[in-house]
Amino acid sequence: MRKKITYTFTLIVLIIISCTKDKGAIIGQINDAFMYNLCIDTSGYRYYQNALFLPPAGGSPHGIFRLLFNAKAQTALDVQTGELPSNGTFPDSSVIVKEAFDAANGNRTLYAVMFKKNGAWLWGEYKPDGEIIYSVLKDAGVCTSCHNAAINDQVLTFDFH
């Protein structure tokens, strides 16, 4: 009986470690400083629709915005439309940055960033000065609750613009 209890306990511990290890493998060395840097060091990035200011659509909480893609994300975009083809996906190391602006004065108010690692998006939001609004270390449920409705790899912009 004692061996059975020890075996069961060991199995439960291994399952718990396995589950938390999976999340750790996705996050790895990713932290908010890394994610914020993806927003401000945009050399090699390209704006969607030539840096056109896009209106919020579909109940977006971010206000008017411009959208940037890093070089890796650009490889997945259609050369004619600049959009992700239907049912397309972005490769790992893709970065998408949404720069949100105040409609009244045109000041940048927010960076919302998506970084793809191990086939999953990591999410963060930051003020222009680097203050964390939504940490990449938090559960992404706030973001995915809307973005899961997207037709193309959780990117809603192509659905609305």
N, C-alpha and C. Protein backbone atom coordinates (compact mmCIF):
# COMPACT_ATOMS: atom_id res chain seq x y z
N MET A 1 0.83 -1.20 0.00
CA MET A 1 0.00 0.00 0.00
C MET A 1 0.87 1.26 0.00
N ARG A 2 1.95 1.24 0.79
CA ARG A 2 2.84 2.39 0.87
C ARG A 2 3.49 2.66 -0.50
N LYS A 3 3.89 1.60 -1.22
CA LYS A 3 4.49 1.76 -2.54
C LYS A 3 3.48 2.37 -3.52
N LYS A 4 2.23 1.97 -3.42
CA LYS A 4 1.20 2.47 -4.30
C LYS A 4 0.98 3.98 -4.08
N ILE A 5 0.98 4.41 -2.82
CA ILE A 5 0.82 5.82 -2.50
C ILE A 5 2.02 6.62 -3.00
N THR A 6 3.22 6.09 -2.77
CA THR A 6 4.44 6.76 -3.24
C THR A 6 4.44 6.87 -4.75
N TYR A 7 4.07 5.81 -5.42
CA TYR A 7 4.02 5.80 -6.88
C TYR A 7 3.01 6.84 -7.38
N THR A 8 1.82 6.88 -6.80
CA THR A 8 0.78 7.81 -7.20
C THR A 8 1.23 9.25 -6.97
N PHE A 9 1.83 9.51 -5.81
CA PHE A 9 2.32 10.85 -5.50
C PHE A 9 3.39 11.28 -6.51
N THR A 10 4.32 10.39 -6.80
CA THR A 10 5.39 10.68 -7.76
C THR A 10 4.81 10.99 -9.14
N LEU A 11 3.83 10.21 -9.54
CA LEU A 11 3.19 10.43 -10.84
C LEU A 11 2.52 11.80 -10.89
N ILE A 12 1.83 12.19 -9.84
CA ILE A 12 1.16 13.50 -9.79
C ILE A 12 2.19 14.62 -9.87
N VAL A 13 3.28 14.50 -9.13
CA VAL A 13 4.33 15.52 -9.16
C VAL A 13 4.92 15.64 -10.56
N LEU A 14 5.17 14.52 -11.23
CA LEU A 14 5.72 14.56 -12.58
C LEU A 14 4.75 15.21 -13.56
N ILE A 15 3.48 14.97 -13.41
CA ILE A 15 2.47 15.60 -14.28
C ILE A 15 2.45 17.10 -14.06
N ILE A 16 2.50 17.54 -12.81
CA ILE A 16 2.50 18.97 -12.51
C ILE A 16 3.74 19.63 -13.09
N ILE A 17 4.89 19.02 -12.88
CA ILE A 17 6.14 19.57 -13.42
C ILE A 17 6.08 19.63 -14.94
N SER A 18 5.54 18.61 -15.56
CA SER A 18 5.44 18.57 -17.02
C SER A 18 4.57 19.71 -17.53
N CYS A 19 3.45 19.97 -16.88
CA CYS A 19 2.54 21.03 -17.32
C CYS A 19 3.18 22.40 -17.17
N THR A 20 3.84 22.66 -16.05
CA THR A 20 4.47 23.96 -15.88
C THR A 20 5.70 24.09 -16.75
N LYS A 21 6.37 23.01 -17.03
CA LYS A 21 7.54 23.06 -17.89
C LYS A 21 7.15 23.49 -19.30
N ASP A 22 5.98 23.05 -19.78
CA ASP A 22 5.53 23.43 -21.11
C ASP A 22 5.38 24.94 -21.23
N LYS A 23 4.76 25.58 -20.23
CA LYS A 23 4.60 27.03 -20.27
C LYS A 23 5.96 27.70 -20.21
N GLY A 24 6.84 27.19 -19.37
CA GLY A 24 8.18 27.74 -19.27
C GLY A 24 8.94 27.62 -20.58
N ALA A 25 8.72 26.54 -21.30
CA ALA A 25 9.41 26.35 -22.57
C ALA A 25 8.95 27.38 -23.59
N ILE A 26 7.68 27.74 -23.53
CA ILE A 26 7.16 28.75 -24.45
C ILE A 26 7.73 30.12 -24.09
N ILE A 27 7.70 30.47 -22.82
CA ILE A 27 8.18 31.78 -22.39
C ILE A 27 9.70 31.83 -22.46
N GLY A 28 10.39 30.79 -21.97
CA GLY A 28 11.85 30.77 -22.00
C GLY A 28 12.43 32.02 -21.40
N GLN A 29 13.27 32.71 -22.14
CA GLN A 29 13.92 33.92 -21.66
C GLN A 29 13.13 35.18 -22.02
N ILE A 30 11.91 35.05 -22.45
CA ILE A 30 11.10 36.19 -22.84
C ILE A 30 10.60 36.90 -21.59
N ASN A 31 10.82 38.22 -21.55
CA ASN A 31 10.30 39.02 -20.45
C ASN A 31 9.82 40.35 -21.02
N ASP A 32 9.36 41.24 -20.15
CA ASP A 32 8.80 42.50 -20.63
C ASP A 32 9.84 43.42 -21.25
N ALA A 33 11.05 43.40 -20.76
CA ALA A 33 12.10 44.22 -21.37
C ALA A 33 12.35 43.77 -22.82
N PHE A 34 12.38 42.46 -23.03
CA PHE A 34 12.55 41.91 -24.38
C PHE A 34 11.39 42.34 -25.28
N MET A 35 10.17 42.19 -24.80
CA MET A 35 8.99 42.52 -25.60
C MET A 35 8.94 44.02 -25.91
N TYR A 36 9.24 44.86 -24.92
CA TYR A 36 9.23 46.31 -25.14
C TYR A 36 10.28 46.69 -26.19
N ASN A 37 11.43 46.08 -26.11
CA ASN A 37 12.48 46.36 -27.09
C ASN A 37 12.03 46.02 -28.52
N LEU A 38 11.20 44.97 -28.66
CA LEU A 38 10.65 44.63 -29.99
C LEU A 38 9.81 45.78 -30.54
N CYS A 39 9.23 46.58 -29.66
CA CYS A 39 8.38 47.70 -30.08
C CYS A 39 9.17 48.92 -30.48
N ILE A 40 10.31 49.15 -29.83
CA ILE A 40 11.03 50.40 -30.08
C ILE A 40 12.21 50.24 -31.04
N ASP A 41 12.73 49.04 -31.18
CA ASP A 41 13.81 48.79 -32.14
C ASP A 41 13.20 48.16 -33.38
N THR A 42 12.71 49.00 -34.27
CA THR A 42 11.92 48.51 -35.39
C THR A 42 12.67 48.56 -36.72
N SER A 43 13.99 48.52 -36.67
CA SER A 43 14.74 48.49 -37.93
C SER A 43 14.41 47.19 -38.67
N GLY A 44 14.12 47.31 -39.94
CA GLY A 44 13.74 46.16 -40.74
C GLY A 44 12.25 45.84 -40.68
N TYR A 45 11.50 46.58 -39.89
CA TYR A 45 10.05 46.39 -39.83
C TYR A 45 9.41 47.13 -40.99
N ARG A 46 8.20 46.73 -41.35
CA ARG A 46 7.45 47.40 -42.41
C ARG A 46 6.04 47.67 -41.91
N TYR A 47 5.54 48.86 -42.23
CA TYR A 47 4.18 49.22 -41.85
C TYR A 47 3.16 48.57 -42.77
N TYR A 48 2.06 48.19 -42.20
CA TYR A 48 0.90 47.71 -42.95
C TYR A 48 0.25 48.93 -43.61
N GLN A 49 -0.12 48.81 -44.85
CA GLN A 49 -0.79 49.85 -45.64
C GLN A 49 -0.04 51.19 -45.56
N ASN A 50 1.29 51.12 -45.71
CA ASN A 50 2.13 52.32 -45.78
C ASN A 50 1.95 53.27 -44.59
N ALA A 51 1.85 52.73 -43.41
CA ALA A 51 1.76 53.50 -42.16
C ALA A 51 0.46 54.29 -42.04
N LEU A 52 -0.54 53.88 -42.78
CA LEU A 52 -1.85 54.51 -42.69
C LEU A 52 -2.40 54.35 -41.27
N PHE A 53 -2.99 55.42 -40.74
CA PHE A 53 -3.64 55.32 -39.45
C PHE A 53 -4.97 54.60 -39.66
N LEU A 54 -5.16 53.53 -38.96
CA LEU A 54 -6.36 52.72 -39.12
C LEU A 54 -7.31 52.95 -37.95
N PRO A 55 -8.61 53.04 -38.24
CA PRO A 55 -9.57 53.23 -37.15
C PRO A 55 -9.79 51.92 -36.40
N PRO A 56 -10.13 52.03 -35.12
CA PRO A 56 -10.45 50.80 -34.39
C PRO A 56 -11.70 50.18 -34.99
N ALA A 57 -11.73 48.88 -35.03
CA ALA A 57 -12.89 48.18 -35.59
C ALA A 57 -13.17 46.95 -34.75
N GLY A 58 -14.39 46.47 -34.84
CA GLY A 58 -14.74 45.25 -34.14
C GLY A 58 -14.63 45.35 -32.63
N GLY A 59 -14.82 46.54 -32.09
CA GLY A 59 -14.74 46.71 -30.64
C GLY A 59 -13.32 46.75 -30.11
N SER A 60 -12.35 47.09 -30.95
CA SER A 60 -10.95 47.13 -30.53
C SER A 60 -10.76 48.09 -29.36
N PRO A 61 -10.02 47.67 -28.34
CA PRO A 61 -9.78 48.54 -27.19
C PRO A 61 -8.59 49.48 -27.39
N HIS A 62 -7.94 49.44 -28.56
CA HIS A 62 -6.67 50.13 -28.73
C HIS A 62 -6.75 51.49 -29.39
N GLY A 63 -7.88 51.90 -29.92
CA GLY A 63 -7.97 53.20 -30.58
C GLY A 63 -7.36 53.16 -31.98
N ILE A 64 -7.13 54.37 -32.55
CA ILE A 64 -6.53 54.41 -33.89
C ILE A 64 -5.10 53.88 -33.79
N PHE A 65 -4.64 53.26 -34.88
CA PHE A 65 -3.34 52.59 -34.78
C PHE A 65 -2.66 52.47 -36.13
N ARG A 66 -1.37 52.15 -36.05
CA ARG A 66 -0.58 51.71 -37.20
C ARG A 66 -0.01 50.36 -36.83
N LEU A 67 0.23 49.53 -37.82
CA LEU A 67 0.68 48.16 -37.58
C LEU A 67 2.02 47.92 -38.28
N LEU A 68 2.94 47.29 -37.55
CA LEU A 68 4.27 46.98 -38.07
C LEU A 68 4.52 45.48 -38.04
N PHE A 69 5.26 44.99 -39.05
CA PHE A 69 5.66 43.59 -39.11
C PHE A 69 7.19 43.52 -39.20
N ASN A 70 7.80 42.63 -38.41
CA ASN A 70 9.25 42.45 -38.57
C ASN A 70 9.52 41.65 -39.85
N ALA A 71 10.81 41.52 -40.20
CA ALA A 71 11.19 40.85 -41.45
C ALA A 71 10.67 39.41 -41.49
N LYS A 72 10.71 38.72 -40.37
CA LYS A 72 10.24 37.32 -40.32
C LYS A 72 8.74 37.25 -40.62
N ALA A 73 7.96 38.13 -40.02
CA ALA A 73 6.51 38.15 -40.28
C ALA A 73 6.22 38.52 -41.73
N GLN A 74 7.02 39.41 -42.29
CA GLN A 74 6.82 39.84 -43.67
C GLN A 74 6.91 38.69 -44.66
N THR A 75 7.68 37.65 -44.32
CA THR A 75 7.82 36.51 -45.24
C THR A 75 6.50 35.76 -45.43
N ALA A 76 5.57 35.91 -44.50
CA ALA A 76 4.29 35.22 -44.59
C ALA A 76 3.23 36.05 -45.31
N LEU A 77 3.49 37.33 -45.53
CA LEU A 77 2.50 38.22 -46.12
C LEU A 77 2.48 38.10 -47.64
N ASP A 78 1.29 38.22 -48.20
CA ASP A 78 1.11 38.22 -49.64
C ASP A 78 1.76 39.48 -50.22
N VAL A 79 2.58 39.33 -51.24
CA VAL A 79 3.30 40.48 -51.81
C VAL A 79 2.36 41.49 -52.46
N GLN A 80 1.21 41.06 -52.94
CA GLN A 80 0.26 41.96 -53.59
C GLN A 80 -0.55 42.76 -52.57
N THR A 81 -1.11 42.07 -51.57
CA THR A 81 -2.03 42.71 -50.63
C THR A 81 -1.36 43.18 -49.34
N GLY A 82 -0.20 42.61 -49.02
CA GLY A 82 0.45 42.94 -47.75
C GLY A 82 -0.24 42.29 -46.56
N GLU A 83 -1.12 41.34 -46.83
CA GLU A 83 -1.87 40.66 -45.78
C GLU A 83 -1.51 39.19 -45.75
N LEU A 84 -1.85 38.55 -44.65
CA LEU A 84 -1.64 37.12 -44.52
C LEU A 84 -2.71 36.41 -45.35
N PRO A 85 -2.33 35.49 -46.22
CA PRO A 85 -3.32 34.76 -47.01
C PRO A 85 -4.31 34.01 -46.11
N SER A 86 -5.49 33.75 -46.63
CA SER A 86 -6.51 33.02 -45.86
C SER A 86 -5.94 31.74 -45.29
N ASN A 87 -6.23 31.51 -44.04
CA ASN A 87 -5.77 30.34 -43.29
C ASN A 87 -4.24 30.25 -43.21
N GLY A 88 -3.55 31.34 -43.47
CA GLY A 88 -2.10 31.37 -43.36
C GLY A 88 -1.68 31.49 -41.91
N THR A 89 -0.41 31.23 -41.67
CA THR A 89 0.14 31.39 -40.33
C THR A 89 1.50 32.08 -40.43
N PHE A 90 1.84 32.76 -39.38
CA PHE A 90 3.14 33.41 -39.30
C PHE A 90 4.16 32.42 -38.75
N PRO A 91 5.41 32.50 -39.21
CA PRO A 91 6.45 31.60 -38.69
C PRO A 91 6.91 32.05 -37.30
N ASP A 92 7.58 31.15 -36.59
CA ASP A 92 8.19 31.51 -35.31
C ASP A 92 9.14 32.68 -35.50
N SER A 93 9.26 33.48 -34.48
CA SER A 93 10.07 34.72 -34.43
C SER A 93 9.39 35.88 -35.15
N SER A 94 8.15 35.70 -35.59
CA SER A 94 7.40 36.82 -36.16
C SER A 94 7.05 37.80 -35.04
N VAL A 95 7.10 39.09 -35.39
CA VAL A 95 6.72 40.15 -34.46
C VAL A 95 5.73 41.06 -35.16
N ILE A 96 4.64 41.35 -34.46
CA ILE A 96 3.65 42.30 -34.94
C ILE A 96 3.47 43.34 -33.84
N VAL A 97 3.66 44.60 -34.20
CA VAL A 97 3.54 45.69 -33.23
C VAL A 97 2.41 46.62 -33.67
N LYS A 98 1.50 46.86 -32.76
CA LYS A 98 0.43 47.84 -32.99
C LYS A 98 0.81 49.09 -32.20
N GLU A 99 0.93 50.21 -32.92
CA GLU A 99 1.17 51.50 -32.28
C GLU A 99 -0.17 52.21 -32.20
N ALA A 100 -0.69 52.40 -30.99
CA ALA A 100 -1.97 53.07 -30.81
C ALA A 100 -1.73 54.55 -30.52
N PHE A 101 -2.65 55.39 -30.99
CA PHE A 101 -2.51 56.84 -30.88
C PHE A 101 -3.77 57.47 -30.31
N ASP A 102 -3.60 58.60 -29.66
CA ASP A 102 -4.71 59.40 -29.17
C ASP A 102 -5.28 60.16 -30.36
N ALA A 103 -6.55 59.99 -30.63
CA ALA A 103 -7.18 60.62 -31.80
C ALA A 103 -7.19 62.15 -31.68
N ALA A 104 -7.25 62.66 -30.46
CA ALA A 104 -7.35 64.11 -30.28
C ALA A 104 -6.04 64.84 -30.57
N ASN A 105 -4.92 64.26 -30.12
CA ASN A 105 -3.65 64.99 -30.27
C ASN A 105 -2.60 64.26 -31.10
N GLY A 106 -2.88 63.04 -31.51
CA GLY A 106 -1.95 62.28 -32.34
C GLY A 106 -0.76 61.69 -31.61
N ASN A 107 -0.75 61.78 -30.27
CA ASN A 107 0.35 61.19 -29.51
C ASN A 107 0.21 59.68 -29.41
N ARG A 108 1.35 59.00 -29.48
CA ARG A 108 1.37 57.54 -29.30
C ARG A 108 1.01 57.26 -27.84
N THR A 109 0.10 56.32 -27.63
CA THR A 109 -0.35 55.99 -26.27
C THR A 109 0.00 54.58 -25.84
N LEU A 110 0.30 53.70 -26.80
CA LEU A 110 0.44 52.30 -26.45
C LEU A 110 1.18 51.55 -27.54
N TYR A 111 1.95 50.56 -27.11
CA TYR A 111 2.46 49.54 -28.00
C TYR A 111 1.81 48.22 -27.57
N ALA A 112 1.16 47.55 -28.49
CA ALA A 112 0.67 46.20 -28.26
C ALA A 112 1.50 45.30 -29.16
N VAL A 113 2.13 44.30 -28.59
CA VAL A 113 3.07 43.48 -29.37
C VAL A 113 2.72 42.01 -29.25
N MET A 114 2.87 41.32 -30.38
CA MET A 114 2.72 39.87 -30.45
C MET A 114 4.05 39.30 -30.93
N PHE A 115 4.55 38.29 -30.25
CA PHE A 115 5.79 37.62 -30.64
C PHE A 115 5.50 36.14 -30.70
N LYS A 116 5.81 35.51 -31.82
CA LYS A 116 5.50 34.09 -31.99
C LYS A 116 6.71 33.23 -31.65
N LYS A 117 6.49 32.32 -30.72
CA LYS A 117 7.55 31.40 -30.30
C LYS A 117 6.95 30.02 -30.10
N ASN A 118 7.60 29.01 -30.65
CA ASN A 118 7.13 27.62 -30.54
C ASN A 118 5.68 27.47 -31.00
N GLY A 119 5.32 28.19 -32.05
CA GLY A 119 3.98 28.07 -32.63
C GLY A 119 2.88 28.79 -31.87
N ALA A 120 3.23 29.53 -30.81
CA ALA A 120 2.22 30.23 -30.01
C ALA A 120 2.59 31.71 -29.92
N TRP A 121 1.57 32.55 -29.88
CA TRP A 121 1.80 33.99 -29.72
C TRP A 121 1.98 34.32 -28.25
N LEU A 122 2.92 35.21 -27.99
CA LEU A 122 3.09 35.82 -26.67
C LEU A 122 2.66 37.26 -26.82
N TRP A 123 2.05 37.82 -25.77
CA TRP A 123 1.40 39.12 -25.87
C TRP A 123 1.92 40.06 -24.79
N GLY A 124 2.02 41.34 -25.12
CA GLY A 124 2.37 42.35 -24.14
C GLY A 124 1.89 43.71 -24.60
N GLU A 125 1.67 44.60 -23.63
CA GLU A 125 1.28 45.98 -23.94
C GLU A 125 2.10 46.91 -23.05
N TYR A 126 2.58 48.01 -23.68
CA TYR A 126 3.48 48.92 -22.99
C TYR A 126 3.18 50.35 -23.37
N LYS A 127 3.39 51.26 -22.42
CA LYS A 127 3.32 52.69 -22.72
C LYS A 127 4.60 53.07 -23.46
N PRO A 128 4.59 54.19 -24.17
CA PRO A 128 5.79 54.61 -24.90
C PRO A 128 7.04 54.74 -24.03
N ASP A 129 6.87 55.03 -22.75
CA ASP A 129 8.03 55.16 -21.86
C ASP A 129 8.49 53.81 -21.30
N GLY A 130 7.83 52.72 -21.70
CA GLY A 130 8.22 51.38 -21.26
C GLY A 130 7.42 50.84 -20.10
N GLU A 131 6.55 51.67 -19.51
CA GLU A 131 5.72 51.17 -18.41
C GLU A 131 4.87 50.01 -18.90
N ILE A 132 4.80 48.97 -18.10
CA ILE A 132 4.06 47.76 -18.47
C ILE A 132 2.57 47.98 -18.25
N ILE A 133 1.80 47.79 -19.28
CA ILE A 133 0.34 47.82 -19.17
C ILE A 133 -0.18 46.39 -18.99
N TYR A 134 0.32 45.49 -19.84
CA TYR A 134 -0.05 44.08 -19.74
C TYR A 134 1.20 43.24 -19.94
N SER A 135 1.61 42.56 -18.92
CA SER A 135 2.87 41.82 -18.93
C SER A 135 2.78 40.55 -19.78
N VAL A 136 3.86 40.26 -20.50
CA VAL A 136 3.96 39.03 -21.26
C VAL A 136 3.92 37.82 -20.32
N LEU A 137 4.22 38.02 -19.05
CA LEU A 137 4.24 36.92 -18.09
C LEU A 137 2.85 36.59 -17.55
N LYS A 138 1.86 37.41 -17.86
CA LYS A 138 0.48 37.12 -17.45
C LYS A 138 -0.17 36.15 -18.41
N ASP A 139 -1.26 35.56 -17.97
CA ASP A 139 -2.07 34.71 -18.84
C ASP A 139 -2.59 35.57 -19.99
N ALA A 140 -2.46 35.11 -21.20
CA ALA A 140 -2.84 35.89 -22.39
C ALA A 140 -4.34 35.88 -22.66
N GLY A 141 -5.13 35.37 -21.74
CA GLY A 141 -6.57 35.25 -21.95
C GLY A 141 -7.26 36.55 -22.31
N VAL A 142 -6.79 37.67 -21.76
CA VAL A 142 -7.39 38.96 -22.07
C VAL A 142 -7.25 39.24 -23.56
N CYS A 143 -6.10 38.92 -24.13
CA CYS A 143 -5.86 39.16 -25.57
C CYS A 143 -6.56 38.12 -26.43
N THR A 144 -6.38 36.86 -26.07
CA THR A 144 -6.91 35.79 -26.91
C THR A 144 -8.43 35.72 -26.88
N SER A 145 -9.06 36.31 -25.86
CA SER A 145 -10.53 36.27 -25.83
C SER A 145 -11.11 36.95 -27.07
N CYS A 146 -10.44 37.94 -27.61
CA CYS A 146 -10.87 38.57 -28.88
C CYS A 146 -10.12 37.97 -30.08
N HIS A 147 -8.82 37.83 -29.95
CA HIS A 147 -7.99 37.42 -31.09
C HIS A 147 -8.26 36.00 -31.57
N ASN A 148 -8.83 35.15 -30.74
CA ASN A 148 -9.15 33.79 -31.19
C ASN A 148 -10.22 33.78 -32.27
N ALA A 149 -10.96 34.87 -32.40
CA ALA A 149 -12.01 34.96 -33.43
C ALA A 149 -11.43 35.27 -34.81
N ALA A 150 -10.16 35.61 -34.89
CA ALA A 150 -9.54 35.99 -36.16
C ALA A 150 -9.45 34.80 -37.10
N ILE A 151 -9.63 35.07 -38.37
CA ILE A 151 -9.52 34.04 -39.39
C ILE A 151 -8.06 33.66 -39.62
N ASN A 152 -7.17 34.65 -39.51
CA ASN A 152 -5.77 34.47 -39.85
C ASN A 152 -4.84 34.54 -38.65
N ASP A 153 -4.52 33.41 -38.06
CA ASP A 153 -3.47 33.28 -37.05
C ASP A 153 -3.59 34.32 -35.93
N GLN A 154 -4.78 34.54 -35.46
CA GLN A 154 -5.09 35.43 -34.34
C GLN A 154 -4.79 36.90 -34.62
N VAL A 155 -4.66 37.29 -35.88
CA VAL A 155 -4.45 38.68 -36.24
C VAL A 155 -5.77 39.24 -36.80
N LEU A 156 -6.36 40.17 -36.07
CA LEU A 156 -7.68 40.67 -36.43
C LEU A 156 -7.65 41.77 -37.50
N THR A 157 -6.56 42.46 -37.65
CA THR A 157 -6.49 43.60 -38.59
C THR A 157 -6.95 43.22 -39.98
N PHE A 158 -6.53 42.08 -40.46
CA PHE A 158 -6.88 41.67 -41.83
C PHE A 158 -8.38 41.41 -41.97
N ASP A 159 -9.04 41.07 -40.88
CA ASP A 159 -10.48 40.82 -40.92
C ASP A 159 -11.28 42.11 -41.05
N PHE A 160 -10.72 43.21 -40.53
CA PHE A 160 -11.48 44.46 -40.44
C PHE A 160 -11.03 45.56 -41.40
N HIS A 161 -9.83 45.47 -41.95
CA HIS A 161 -9.30 46.58 -42.76
C HIS A 161 -8.90 46.10 -44.13
